[in-house]
C-alpha atoms as a PDB file:
ATOM      1  CA  UNK A   1     163.060  95.954  40.719  1.00  0.00           C
ATOM      2  CA  UNK A   2     165.122  97.653  37.877  1.00  0.00           C
ATOM      3  CA  UNK A   3     164.327 100.979  36.216  1.00  0.00           C
ATOM      4  CA  UNK A   4     162.660  99.521  33.169  1.00  0.00           C
ATOM      5  CA  UNK A   5     160.707  97.009  35.150  1.00  0.00           C
ATOM      6  CA  UNK A   6     159.051  99.987  37.442  1.00  0.00           C
ATOM      7  CA  UNK A   7     158.737 101.584  33.836  1.00  0.00           C
ATOM      8  CA  UNK A   8     156.910  99.028  32.679  1.00  0.00           C
ATOM      9  CA  UNK A   9     154.541  98.299  35.590  1.00  0.00           C
ATOM     10  CA  UNK A  10     153.426 102.119  35.223  1.00  0.00           C
ATOM     11  CA  UNK A  11     152.727 102.198  31.910  1.00  0.00           C
ATOM     12  CA  UNK A  12     150.596  98.655  32.385  1.00  0.00           C
ATOM     13  CA  UNK A  13     149.131  99.985  35.430  1.00  0.00           C
ATOM     14  CA  UNK A  14     147.912 103.340  33.742  1.00  0.00           C
ATOM     15  CA  UNK A  15     146.521 101.104  30.744  1.00  0.00           C
ATOM     16  CA  UNK A  16     145.034  98.946  32.547  1.00  0.00           C
ATOM     17  CA  UNK A  17     143.741 101.287  35.773  1.00  0.00           C
ATOM     18  CA  UNK A  18     142.250 103.701  33.634  1.00  0.00           C
ATOM     19  CA  UNK A  19     139.827 101.531  31.613  1.00  0.00           C
ATOM     20  CA  UNK A  20     137.113 101.792  34.571  1.00  0.00           C
ATOM     21  CA  UNK A  21     137.858 105.573  35.616  1.00  0.00           C
ATOM     22  CA  UNK A  22     137.277 106.715  31.825  1.00  0.00           C
ATOM     23  CA  UNK A  23     134.373 104.232  31.472  1.00  0.00           C
ATOM     24  CA  UNK A  24     132.477 105.606  34.911  1.00  0.00           C
ATOM     25  CA  UNK A  25     133.309 109.037  33.535  1.00  0.00           C
ATOM     26  CA  UNK A  26     131.939 108.913  29.707  1.00  0.00           C
ATOM     27  CA  UNK A  27     129.030 106.478  30.755  1.00  0.00           C
ATOM     28  CA  UNK A  28     127.742 108.628  33.436  1.00  0.00           C
ATOM     29  CA  UNK A  29     127.904 111.618  31.272  1.00  0.00           C
ATOM     30  CA  UNK A  30     126.447 110.347  28.523  1.00  0.00           C
ATOM     31  CA  UNK A  31     123.229 108.637  30.418  1.00  0.00           C
ATOM     32  CA  UNK A  32     122.689 111.852  32.204  1.00  0.00           C
ATOM     33  CA  UNK A  33     122.515 113.864  28.661  1.00  0.00           C
ATOM     34  CA  UNK A  34     118.954 113.439  28.236  1.00  0.00           C
ATOM     35  CA  UNK A  35     117.941 113.012  31.687  1.00  0.00           C
ATOM     36  CA  UNK A  36     118.909 115.846  33.634  1.00  0.00           C
ATOM     37  CA  UNK A  37     119.265 119.431  32.932  1.00  0.00           C
ATOM     38  CA  UNK A  38     122.955 120.590  30.991  1.00  0.00           C
ATOM     39  CA  UNK A  39     123.433 122.437  34.481  1.00  0.00           C
ATOM     40  CA  UNK A  40     123.900 119.143  36.190  1.00  0.00           C
ATOM     41  CA  UNK A  41     125.577 117.125  33.578  1.00  0.00           C
ATOM     42  CA  UNK A  42     128.846 117.779  35.635  1.00  0.00           C
ATOM     43  CA  UNK A  43     127.810 116.404  38.880  1.00  0.00           C
ATOM     44  CA  UNK A  44     126.522 113.073  37.206  1.00  0.00           C
ATOM     45  CA  UNK A  45     129.859 113.203  35.185  1.00  0.00           C
ATOM     46  CA  UNK A  46     132.000 113.297  38.214  1.00  0.00           C
ATOM     47  CA  UNK A  47     130.097 110.920  40.048  1.00  0.00           C
ATOM     48  CA  UNK A  48     130.776 108.698  37.465  1.00  0.00           C
ATOM     49  CA  UNK A  49     134.424 109.082  37.885  1.00  0.00           C
ATOM     50  CA  UNK A  50     134.155 108.593  41.525  1.00  0.00           C
ATOM     51  CA  UNK A  51     132.803 105.303  41.020  1.00  0.00           C
ATOM     52  CA  UNK A  52     135.482 104.494  38.419  1.00  0.00           C
ATOM     53  CA  UNK A  53     137.982 105.245  40.646  1.00  0.00           C
ATOM     54  CA  UNK A  54     136.140 103.232  43.311  1.00  0.00           C
ATOM     55  CA  UNK A  55     136.253  99.956  41.013  1.00  0.00           C
ATOM     56  CA  UNK A  56     139.685 100.265  40.146  1.00  0.00           C
ATOM     57  CA  UNK A  57     140.592 100.585  43.665  1.00  0.00           C
ATOM     58  CA  UNK A  58     138.402  97.576  44.835  1.00  0.00           C
ATOM     59  CA  UNK A  59     138.556  95.216  41.834  1.00  0.00           C
ATOM     60  CA  UNK A  60     141.513  96.094  40.048  1.00  0.00           C
ATOM     61  CA  UNK A  61     144.343  95.258  42.854  1.00  0.00           C
ATOM     62  CA  UNK A  62     146.982  93.609  41.430  1.00  0.00           C
ATOM     63  CA  UNK A  63     146.281  93.878  38.053  1.00  0.00           C
ATOM     64  CA  UNK A  64     149.808  94.744  36.875  1.00  0.00           C
ATOM     65  CA  UNK A  65     150.694  91.571  38.479  1.00  0.00           C
ATOM     66  CA  UNK A  66     147.871  89.281  36.602  1.00  0.00           C
ATOM     67  CA  UNK A  67     148.321  91.377  33.095  1.00  0.00           C
ATOM     68  CA  UNK A  68     151.210  89.144  32.145  1.00  0.00           C
ATOM     69  CA  UNK A  69     148.654  85.942  32.006  1.00  0.00           C
ATOM     70  CA  UNK A  70     145.411  87.856  30.614  1.00  0.00           C
ATOM     71  CA  UNK A  71     144.224  86.051  27.486  1.00  0.00           C
ATOM     72  CA  UNK A  72     144.767  88.416  23.991  1.00  0.00           C
ATOM     73  CA  UNK A  73     141.125  89.208  23.701  1.00  0.00           C
ATOM     74  CA  UNK A  74     141.368  91.199  27.168  1.00  0.00           C
ATOM     75  CA  UNK A  75     143.998  93.279  25.573  1.00  0.00           C
ATOM     76  CA  UNK A  76     142.177  93.578  22.570  1.00  0.00           C
ATOM     77  CA  UNK A  77     139.249  95.365  24.302  1.00  0.00           C
ATOM     78  CA  UNK A  78     141.443  97.450  26.183  1.00  0.00           C
ATOM     79  CA  UNK A  79     142.731  98.704  22.951  1.00  0.00           C
ATOM     80  CA  UNK A  80     139.067  98.756  21.014  1.00  0.00           C
ATOM     81  CA  UNK A  81     138.373 100.784  24.310  1.00  0.00           C
ATOM     82  CA  UNK A  82     140.769 103.520  24.055  1.00  0.00           C
ATOM     83  CA  UNK A  83     139.845 103.494  20.244  1.00  0.00           C
ATOM     84  CA  UNK A  84     136.308 104.031  20.790  1.00  0.00           C
ATOM     85  CA  UNK A  85     137.344 106.800  23.360  1.00  0.00           C
ATOM     86  CA  UNK A  86     139.608 108.583  20.533  1.00  0.00           C
ATOM     87  CA  UNK A  87     137.066 108.395  18.313  1.00  0.00           C
ATOM     88  CA  UNK A  88     134.519 110.659  20.107  1.00  0.00           C
ATOM     89  CA  UNK A  89     135.856 113.807  19.198  1.00  0.00           C
ATOM     90  CA  UNK A  90     133.719 116.832  17.865  1.00  0.00           C
ATOM     91  CA  UNK A  91     133.416 117.481  14.539  1.00  0.00           C
ATOM     92  CA  UNK A  92     133.833 121.248  13.653  1.00  0.00           C
ATOM     93  CA  UNK A  93     131.531 123.012  11.326  1.00  0.00           C
ATOM     94  CA  UNK A  94     134.257 123.866   9.118  1.00  0.00           C
ATOM     95  CA  UNK A  95     135.785 120.919   8.261  1.00  0.00           C
END
Protein backbone atom coordinates (compact mmCIF):
# COMPACT_ATOMS: atom_id res chain seq x y z
CA UNK A 1 0.00 0.00 0.00
CA UNK A 2 1.47 3.33 -0.97
CA UNK A 3 1.94 6.28 1.35
CA UNK A 4 -0.96 8.40 0.04
CA UNK A 5 -3.37 5.47 0.33
CA UNK A 6 -2.35 5.03 3.99
CA UNK A 7 -2.99 8.73 4.66
CA UNK A 8 -6.37 8.53 2.91
CA UNK A 9 -7.38 5.49 4.96
CA UNK A 10 -6.29 7.22 8.18
CA UNK A 11 -8.34 10.33 7.40
CA UNK A 12 -11.43 8.30 6.48
CA UNK A 13 -10.99 6.19 9.62
CA UNK A 14 -10.77 9.29 11.81
CA UNK A 15 -13.75 10.95 10.12
CA UNK A 16 -16.01 7.93 10.52
CA UNK A 17 -14.56 6.50 13.74
CA UNK A 18 -14.80 9.68 15.75
CA UNK A 19 -18.55 10.09 15.24
CA UNK A 20 -19.70 7.49 17.82
CA UNK A 21 -16.98 8.52 20.27
CA UNK A 22 -17.85 12.23 20.14
CA UNK A 23 -21.60 11.62 20.08
CA UNK A 24 -21.40 9.25 23.07
CA UNK A 25 -19.38 11.79 25.03
CA UNK A 26 -21.66 14.72 24.19
CA UNK A 27 -24.90 12.78 24.67
CA UNK A 28 -23.89 11.51 28.11
CA UNK A 29 -22.68 14.96 29.10
CA UNK A 30 -25.80 16.83 28.01
CA UNK A 31 -28.22 14.19 29.30
CA UNK A 32 -26.53 14.14 32.71
CA UNK A 33 -26.66 17.92 33.19
CA UNK A 34 -30.20 18.12 34.64
CA UNK A 35 -30.05 14.71 36.33
CA UNK A 36 -26.89 14.59 38.45
CA UNK A 37 -24.91 17.00 40.63
CA UNK A 38 -22.34 19.09 38.81
CA UNK A 39 -19.47 17.31 40.55
CA UNK A 40 -20.46 13.99 38.88
CA UNK A 41 -21.08 15.13 35.31
CA UNK A 42 -17.54 14.26 34.26
CA UNK A 43 -18.14 10.63 35.24
CA UNK A 44 -21.13 10.40 32.94
CA UNK A 45 -19.25 12.15 30.15
CA UNK A 46 -16.35 9.71 30.45
CA UNK A 47 -18.78 6.77 30.53
CA UNK A 48 -20.31 8.07 27.29
CA UNK A 49 -16.84 8.37 25.80
CA UNK A 50 -16.05 4.76 26.70
CA UNK A 51 -19.41 3.61 25.34
CA UNK A 52 -18.70 5.46 22.09
CA UNK A 53 -15.30 3.77 21.82
CA UNK A 54 -16.95 0.37 22.35
CA UNK A 55 -19.51 1.09 19.64
CA UNK A 56 -16.69 2.15 17.35
CA UNK A 57 -14.65 -0.99 17.98
CA UNK A 58 -17.57 -3.43 17.84
CA UNK A 59 -19.66 -2.08 14.98
CA UNK A 60 -17.43 -0.04 12.71
CA UNK A 61 -14.80 -2.60 11.79
CA UNK A 62 -13.98 -2.49 8.12
CA UNK A 63 -15.56 0.93 7.81
CA UNK A 64 -12.67 2.31 5.81
CA UNK A 65 -13.12 -0.32 3.10
CA UNK A 66 -16.89 0.25 3.01
CA UNK A 67 -16.51 4.04 3.02
CA UNK A 68 -16.14 4.18 -0.75
CA UNK A 69 -19.50 2.49 -1.27
CA UNK A 70 -21.46 4.54 1.28
CA UNK A 71 -24.43 6.47 0.04
CA UNK A 72 -24.02 10.27 -0.25
CA UNK A 73 -26.56 10.88 2.54
CA UNK A 74 -24.24 9.10 5.00
CA UNK A 75 -21.41 11.51 4.18
CA UNK A 76 -23.81 14.45 4.41
CA UNK A 77 -24.93 13.22 7.83
CA UNK A 78 -21.29 12.99 8.99
CA UNK A 79 -20.68 16.55 7.76
CA UNK A 80 -23.81 17.85 9.50
CA UNK A 81 -22.75 16.05 12.68
CA UNK A 82 -19.35 17.75 12.72
CA UNK A 83 -20.93 21.08 11.82
CA UNK A 84 -23.30 20.69 14.77
CA UNK A 85 -20.40 19.87 17.09
CA UNK A 86 -18.66 23.06 16.03
CA UNK A 87 -21.78 25.16 16.66
CA UNK A 88 -21.92 24.26 20.35
CA UNK A 89 -19.34 26.81 21.35
CA UNK A 90 -19.98 29.10 24.26
CA UNK A 91 -20.74 32.76 23.71
CA UNK A 92 -18.64 35.17 25.71
CA UNK A 93 -20.54 38.03 27.36
CA UNK A 94 -18.13 40.56 25.87
CA UNK A 95 -18.84 39.66 22.23
